[in-house]
Amino acid sequence: MSLKNLLLGAAIGAGAIIASASGASAAIVCNREGDCWHTTAKYTYKPSFGLSIHTNSWKWKDTDKDRYHWREHDGRGYWRKGVWVTF
C-alpha cells in the first residue's frame, strides 16, 4: 500500500468520525421527582411534562445528591412517577 493511499484512508476515516460526532445532540433531562436520564436526540418536551433540560456536562451539586438519581431508558419519552411514558 502506498503512502498516498494510507493517508487518503486515514483522512476519510477521520472525516467520518467528525461527521458522526457533530451530529449528536446529547442532553440530560430531569423531572420534578428527581429522575434524570441521558438523551441523544433533541426532543420538544411539552411544558406540562415538568422537565428540566441540561447540557450533557451538567452535574447536580453535592447538596442535591439526595434529590436526583439516574434512571436511564432508551427511546422517546420521559419518566413520570416512576413510569416511563412514551410520546
N, C-alpha and C. Protein backbone atom coordinates (compact mmCIF):
# COMPACT_ATOMS: atom_id res chain seq x y z
N MET A 1 0.86 -1.19 0.00
CA MET A 1 0.00 0.00 0.00
C MET A 1 0.89 1.23 0.00
N SER A 2 0.59 2.17 -0.85
CA SER A 2 1.41 3.37 -0.94
C SER A 2 1.06 4.34 0.19
N LEU A 3 1.98 5.23 0.46
CA LEU A 3 1.77 6.25 1.49
C LEU A 3 0.57 7.13 1.14
N LYS A 4 0.40 7.41 -0.14
CA LYS A 4 -0.73 8.25 -0.59
C LYS A 4 -2.06 7.58 -0.25
N ASN A 5 -2.20 6.28 -0.51
CA ASN A 5 -3.44 5.56 -0.20
C ASN A 5 -3.67 5.48 1.30
N LEU A 6 -2.59 5.30 2.06
CA LEU A 6 -2.71 5.23 3.52
C LEU A 6 -3.21 6.56 4.08
N LEU A 7 -2.63 7.66 3.60
CA LEU A 7 -3.06 8.98 4.07
C LEU A 7 -4.49 9.29 3.65
N LEU A 8 -4.85 8.90 2.44
CA LEU A 8 -6.22 9.12 1.98
C LEU A 8 -7.22 8.34 2.83
N GLY A 9 -6.90 7.10 3.15
CA GLY A 9 -7.78 6.29 4.01
C GLY A 9 -7.91 6.87 5.41
N ALA A 10 -6.80 7.38 5.94
CA ALA A 10 -6.84 7.99 7.28
C ALA A 10 -7.70 9.25 7.28
N ALA A 11 -7.59 10.06 6.21
CA ALA A 11 -8.38 11.28 6.12
C ALA A 11 -9.88 10.97 6.01
N ILE A 12 -10.22 9.97 5.23
CA ILE A 12 -11.63 9.58 5.09
C ILE A 12 -12.17 9.08 6.42
N GLY A 13 -11.39 8.26 7.12
CA GLY A 13 -11.82 7.74 8.42
C GLY A 13 -12.01 8.85 9.44
N ALA A 14 -11.07 9.80 9.48
CA ALA A 14 -11.19 10.93 10.41
C ALA A 14 -12.41 11.78 10.09
N GLY A 15 -12.68 11.98 8.82
CA GLY A 15 -13.86 12.76 8.42
C GLY A 15 -15.16 12.10 8.84
N ALA A 16 -15.20 10.78 8.74
CA ALA A 16 -16.41 10.05 9.15
C ALA A 16 -16.63 10.16 10.65
N ILE A 17 -15.56 10.11 11.43
CA ILE A 17 -15.69 10.24 12.89
C ILE A 17 -16.17 11.64 13.26
N ILE A 18 -15.60 12.66 12.63
CA ILE A 18 -16.01 14.03 12.92
C ILE A 18 -17.47 14.27 12.53
N ALA A 19 -17.89 13.76 11.40
CA ALA A 19 -19.27 13.94 10.95
C ALA A 19 -20.25 13.27 11.89
N SER A 20 -19.90 12.07 12.37
CA SER A 20 -20.83 11.38 13.27
C SER A 20 -20.85 12.01 14.64
N ALA A 21 -19.75 12.56 15.11
CA ALA A 21 -19.70 13.18 16.44
C ALA A 21 -20.44 14.51 16.44
N SER A 22 -20.37 15.28 15.38
CA SER A 22 -21.02 16.58 15.36
C SER A 22 -22.54 16.47 15.22
N GLY A 23 -23.05 15.34 14.77
CA GLY A 23 -24.48 15.17 14.62
C GLY A 23 -25.20 14.82 15.91
N ALA A 24 -24.45 14.42 16.92
CA ALA A 24 -25.06 14.02 18.19
C ALA A 24 -25.47 15.25 18.98
N SER A 25 -26.60 15.18 19.63
CA SER A 25 -27.10 16.27 20.45
C SER A 25 -27.47 15.70 21.81
N ALA A 26 -26.46 15.48 22.63
CA ALA A 26 -26.70 14.85 23.92
C ALA A 26 -27.17 15.88 24.94
N ALA A 27 -28.02 15.43 25.85
CA ALA A 27 -28.52 16.28 26.92
C ALA A 27 -28.88 15.41 28.12
N ILE A 28 -29.05 16.05 29.25
CA ILE A 28 -29.56 15.40 30.46
C ILE A 28 -30.90 16.03 30.77
N VAL A 29 -31.89 15.19 31.01
CA VAL A 29 -33.24 15.66 31.30
C VAL A 29 -33.61 15.16 32.69
N CYS A 30 -34.23 16.02 33.50
CA CYS A 30 -34.68 15.64 34.84
C CYS A 30 -36.14 16.04 35.02
N ASN A 31 -36.88 15.23 35.77
CA ASN A 31 -38.27 15.58 36.07
C ASN A 31 -38.38 16.15 37.48
N ARG A 32 -39.58 16.51 37.88
CA ARG A 32 -39.80 17.12 39.20
C ARG A 32 -39.49 16.18 40.35
N GLU A 33 -39.61 14.86 40.10
CA GLU A 33 -39.34 13.88 41.14
C GLU A 33 -37.85 13.60 41.33
N GLY A 34 -37.00 14.16 40.45
CA GLY A 34 -35.56 13.97 40.56
C GLY A 34 -35.00 12.85 39.71
N ASP A 35 -35.84 12.22 38.87
CA ASP A 35 -35.35 11.22 37.92
C ASP A 35 -34.63 11.95 36.80
N CYS A 36 -33.39 11.53 36.49
CA CYS A 36 -32.62 12.14 35.42
C CYS A 36 -32.16 11.06 34.46
N TRP A 37 -32.09 11.39 33.18
CA TRP A 37 -31.64 10.44 32.17
C TRP A 37 -30.96 11.19 31.04
N HIS A 38 -30.15 10.45 30.27
CA HIS A 38 -29.48 11.00 29.11
C HIS A 38 -30.35 10.81 27.87
N THR A 39 -30.28 11.75 26.98
CA THR A 39 -30.93 11.62 25.68
C THR A 39 -29.94 12.03 24.61
N THR A 40 -29.96 11.33 23.50
CA THR A 40 -29.05 11.67 22.40
C THR A 40 -29.78 12.33 21.24
N ALA A 41 -31.07 12.48 21.37
CA ALA A 41 -31.87 13.15 20.34
C ALA A 41 -32.48 14.41 20.95
N LYS A 42 -32.71 15.40 20.12
CA LYS A 42 -33.31 16.64 20.61
C LYS A 42 -34.82 16.55 20.45
N TYR A 43 -35.50 16.42 21.58
CA TYR A 43 -36.96 16.34 21.58
C TYR A 43 -37.54 17.66 22.04
N THR A 44 -38.77 17.93 21.63
CA THR A 44 -39.51 19.07 22.13
C THR A 44 -40.48 18.55 23.18
N TYR A 45 -40.14 18.80 24.44
CA TYR A 45 -40.98 18.35 25.55
C TYR A 45 -42.02 19.43 25.85
N LYS A 46 -43.25 19.02 26.12
CA LYS A 46 -44.29 19.97 26.49
C LYS A 46 -43.99 20.53 27.88
N PRO A 47 -44.27 21.80 28.11
CA PRO A 47 -44.07 22.38 29.44
C PRO A 47 -44.84 21.64 30.53
N SER A 48 -45.98 21.05 30.18
CA SER A 48 -46.78 20.33 31.18
C SER A 48 -46.08 19.07 31.69
N PHE A 49 -45.03 18.60 30.99
CA PHE A 49 -44.28 17.43 31.46
C PHE A 49 -43.47 17.77 32.72
N GLY A 50 -43.17 19.06 32.93
CA GLY A 50 -42.42 19.48 34.11
C GLY A 50 -40.97 19.02 34.11
N LEU A 51 -40.30 19.13 32.98
CA LEU A 51 -38.93 18.64 32.84
C LEU A 51 -37.95 19.79 32.76
N SER A 52 -36.73 19.53 33.23
CA SER A 52 -35.62 20.46 33.08
C SER A 52 -34.61 19.82 32.15
N ILE A 53 -34.15 20.56 31.16
CA ILE A 53 -33.20 20.04 30.18
C ILE A 53 -31.87 20.75 30.41
N HIS A 54 -30.82 19.93 30.54
CA HIS A 54 -29.48 20.44 30.84
C HIS A 54 -28.51 19.98 29.75
N THR A 55 -27.36 20.64 29.69
CA THR A 55 -26.31 20.19 28.78
C THR A 55 -25.79 18.84 29.25
N ASN A 56 -25.13 18.12 28.37
CA ASN A 56 -24.61 16.80 28.71
C ASN A 56 -23.53 16.86 29.79
N SER A 57 -22.93 18.01 30.00
CA SER A 57 -21.89 18.14 31.03
C SER A 57 -22.45 18.55 32.39
N TRP A 58 -23.77 18.73 32.50
CA TRP A 58 -24.40 19.15 33.75
C TRP A 58 -24.22 18.09 34.82
N LYS A 59 -23.96 18.54 36.03
CA LYS A 59 -23.88 17.65 37.19
C LYS A 59 -24.63 18.29 38.34
N TRP A 60 -25.34 17.48 39.12
CA TRP A 60 -26.00 18.08 40.26
C TRP A 60 -24.98 18.36 41.35
N LYS A 61 -25.30 19.30 42.21
CA LYS A 61 -24.41 19.70 43.30
C LYS A 61 -24.41 18.63 44.38
N ASP A 62 -23.36 18.61 45.18
CA ASP A 62 -23.29 17.66 46.29
C ASP A 62 -24.48 17.81 47.24
N THR A 63 -24.95 19.04 47.40
CA THR A 63 -26.10 19.27 48.28
C THR A 63 -27.39 18.70 47.70
N ASP A 64 -27.40 18.42 46.39
CA ASP A 64 -28.59 17.88 45.72
C ASP A 64 -28.53 16.38 45.53
N LYS A 65 -27.50 15.70 46.07
CA LYS A 65 -27.31 14.27 45.78
C LYS A 65 -28.46 13.40 46.26
N ASP A 66 -29.21 13.84 47.26
CA ASP A 66 -30.36 13.06 47.71
C ASP A 66 -31.62 13.38 46.91
N ARG A 67 -31.57 14.45 46.13
CA ARG A 67 -32.75 14.86 45.36
C ARG A 67 -32.79 14.18 43.98
N TYR A 68 -31.62 14.00 43.36
CA TYR A 68 -31.54 13.47 42.00
C TYR A 68 -31.02 12.04 41.97
N HIS A 69 -31.42 11.29 40.94
CA HIS A 69 -30.88 9.95 40.71
C HIS A 69 -31.05 9.61 39.23
N TRP A 70 -30.19 8.68 38.76
CA TRP A 70 -30.22 8.30 37.35
C TRP A 70 -31.25 7.22 37.10
N ARG A 71 -32.01 7.38 36.03
CA ARG A 71 -32.97 6.38 35.56
C ARG A 71 -32.90 6.37 34.05
N GLU A 72 -31.97 5.64 33.51
CA GLU A 72 -31.79 5.61 32.06
C GLU A 72 -32.89 4.80 31.38
N HIS A 73 -33.20 5.17 30.14
CA HIS A 73 -34.19 4.44 29.34
C HIS A 73 -33.97 4.79 27.88
N ASP A 74 -34.07 3.81 27.03
CA ASP A 74 -33.95 4.04 25.58
C ASP A 74 -35.28 4.52 25.01
N GLY A 75 -35.20 5.29 23.96
CA GLY A 75 -36.41 5.67 23.25
C GLY A 75 -36.89 7.06 23.61
N ARG A 76 -37.95 7.44 22.95
CA ARG A 76 -38.53 8.77 23.10
C ARG A 76 -39.58 8.74 24.20
N GLY A 77 -39.36 9.54 25.23
CA GLY A 77 -40.30 9.59 26.34
C GLY A 77 -39.72 10.32 27.53
N TYR A 78 -40.34 10.11 28.69
CA TYR A 78 -39.88 10.75 29.92
C TYR A 78 -40.41 9.95 31.11
N TRP A 79 -39.74 10.13 32.25
CA TRP A 79 -40.17 9.47 33.48
C TRP A 79 -41.22 10.32 34.18
N ARG A 80 -42.29 9.67 34.66
CA ARG A 80 -43.32 10.34 35.45
C ARG A 80 -43.76 9.39 36.54
N LYS A 81 -43.51 9.77 37.79
CA LYS A 81 -43.89 8.98 38.96
C LYS A 81 -43.40 7.53 38.85
N GLY A 82 -42.14 7.37 38.39
CA GLY A 82 -41.52 6.06 38.32
C GLY A 82 -41.88 5.22 37.12
N VAL A 83 -42.64 5.79 36.18
CA VAL A 83 -43.08 5.05 34.98
C VAL A 83 -42.57 5.79 33.75
N TRP A 84 -42.00 5.03 32.79
CA TRP A 84 -41.55 5.62 31.53
C TRP A 84 -42.76 5.84 30.62
N VAL A 85 -42.98 7.08 30.22
CA VAL A 85 -44.11 7.45 29.37
C VAL A 85 -43.57 7.80 28.00
N THR A 86 -43.99 7.06 26.98
CA THR A 86 -43.54 7.36 25.63
C THR A 86 -44.45 8.41 24.98
N PHE A 87 -43.90 9.17 24.08
CA PHE A 87 -44.70 10.15 23.33
C PHE A 87 -44.23 10.21 21.91
